[in-house]
Amino acid sequence: TKKILRAFAEKRIPKEIITRTKQGFPVPAYKWIKSDLFEFAKKTLESPYLTQWFDQDKLSHLLNQLSGGDVNAAHKVWTLIILSKWVERWKN
């Protein structure tokens, strides 16, 4: 796959990079929402776009788990942020 791109890259990029297995493009979103973006995450989880469907006590508990370093909570919070922003964008 991507024969032309690989031919171009072979002349410019080391072979070990060209032949390595496929990797994702990691974004440190979980790290960010546990630190620099925690207030953004908190505000988003408290928004009416989520509180109309989710129990506020459970959302607060999830934020507490997030601040404690729970990776599973970080995943859930990130998913809820995406949902909230989607609802905000596409509401009526």
Protein backbone atom coordinates (compact mmCIF):
# COMPACT_ATOMS: atom_id res chain seq x y z
CA THR A 1 0.00 0.00 0.00
CA LYS A 2 1.03 3.60 -0.58
CA LYS A 3 3.66 2.49 -3.10
CA ILE A 4 4.46 5.98 -4.43
CA LEU A 5 4.75 7.46 -0.93
CA ARG A 6 7.03 4.62 0.19
CA ALA A 7 9.26 5.01 -2.89
CA PHE A 8 9.57 8.74 -2.17
CA ALA A 9 10.25 8.17 1.53
CA GLU A 10 12.88 5.43 1.01
CA LYS A 11 15.29 8.04 -0.38
CA ARG A 12 14.76 10.42 2.52
CA ILE A 13 13.89 8.45 5.68
CA PRO A 14 15.91 5.71 7.44
CA LYS A 15 14.86 2.17 6.52
CA GLU A 16 14.00 1.23 10.13
CA ILE A 17 11.32 3.91 10.10
CA ILE A 18 9.93 2.86 6.71
CA THR A 19 9.70 -0.83 7.65
CA ARG A 20 8.47 -0.56 11.24
CA THR A 21 4.96 -1.64 12.16
CA LYS A 22 2.14 0.84 11.94
CA GLN A 23 1.81 3.14 14.93
CA GLY A 24 -0.95 5.44 16.04
CA PHE A 25 -0.63 9.16 16.48
CA PRO A 26 -0.85 9.50 20.25
CA VAL A 27 -2.32 12.64 21.70
CA PRO A 28 -1.76 13.13 25.43
CA ALA A 29 -5.40 14.10 25.98
CA TYR A 30 -5.75 12.02 29.15
CA LYS A 31 -2.68 13.66 30.65
CA TRP A 32 -3.98 17.11 29.69
CA ILE A 33 -7.43 16.66 31.23
CA LYS A 34 -5.84 15.48 34.47
CA SER A 35 -3.70 18.62 34.68
CA ASP A 36 -3.82 21.71 32.47
CA LEU A 37 -7.33 21.07 31.12
CA PHE A 38 -8.90 19.81 34.33
CA GLU A 39 -10.96 22.97 34.84
CA PHE A 40 -12.14 22.75 31.23
CA ALA A 41 -13.14 19.11 31.81
CA LYS A 42 -14.95 20.04 35.04
CA LYS A 43 -16.82 22.90 33.39
CA THR A 44 -17.77 20.66 30.45
CA LEU A 45 -19.06 17.86 32.70
CA GLU A 46 -21.13 20.41 34.61
CA SER A 47 -22.66 21.81 31.43
CA PRO A 48 -26.38 21.41 30.71
CA TYR A 49 -25.46 19.43 27.60
CA LEU A 50 -24.51 16.54 29.90
CA THR A 51 -26.44 17.14 33.11
CA GLN A 52 -29.70 16.75 31.22
CA TRP A 53 -28.81 13.07 30.66
CA PHE A 54 -26.33 12.15 33.38
CA ASP A 55 -26.54 12.26 37.17
CA GLN A 56 -24.44 15.18 38.44
CA ASP A 57 -23.21 13.20 41.47
CA LYS A 58 -21.85 10.48 39.20
CA LEU A 59 -20.16 13.07 36.98
CA SER A 60 -18.58 14.66 40.08
CA HIS A 61 -17.43 11.23 41.25
CA LEU A 62 -15.87 10.65 37.83
CA LEU A 63 -13.99 13.96 38.13
CA ASN A 64 -12.70 12.91 41.56
CA GLN A 65 -11.46 9.64 40.07
CA LEU A 66 -9.81 11.59 37.27
CA SER A 67 -8.01 13.91 39.69
CA GLY A 68 -6.81 10.78 41.52
CA GLY A 69 -5.10 9.56 38.36
CA ASP A 70 -7.60 6.90 37.26
CA VAL A 71 -6.89 6.21 33.57
CA ASN A 72 -10.28 4.60 33.04
CA ALA A 73 -11.93 7.75 34.41
CA ALA A 74 -9.80 9.84 32.05
CA HIS A 75 -11.10 7.81 29.12
CA LYS A 76 -14.70 8.27 30.26
CA VAL A 77 -14.26 12.01 30.86
CA TRP A 78 -12.66 12.45 27.44
CA THR A 79 -15.58 10.61 25.83
CA LEU A 80 -18.07 12.78 27.72
CA ILE A 81 -16.25 15.95 26.64
CA ILE A 82 -16.52 14.85 23.00
CA LEU A 83 -20.22 14.02 23.47
CA SER A 84 -20.90 17.37 25.13
CA LYS A 85 -19.16 19.32 22.37
CA TRP A 86 -21.01 17.31 19.72
CA VAL A 87 -24.38 18.03 21.37
CA GLU A 88 -23.46 21.69 21.77
CA ARG A 89 -22.57 21.92 18.09
CA TRP A 90 -25.61 20.05 16.72
CA LYS A 91 -28.36 21.04 19.15
CA ASN A 92 -31.52 22.07 17.30
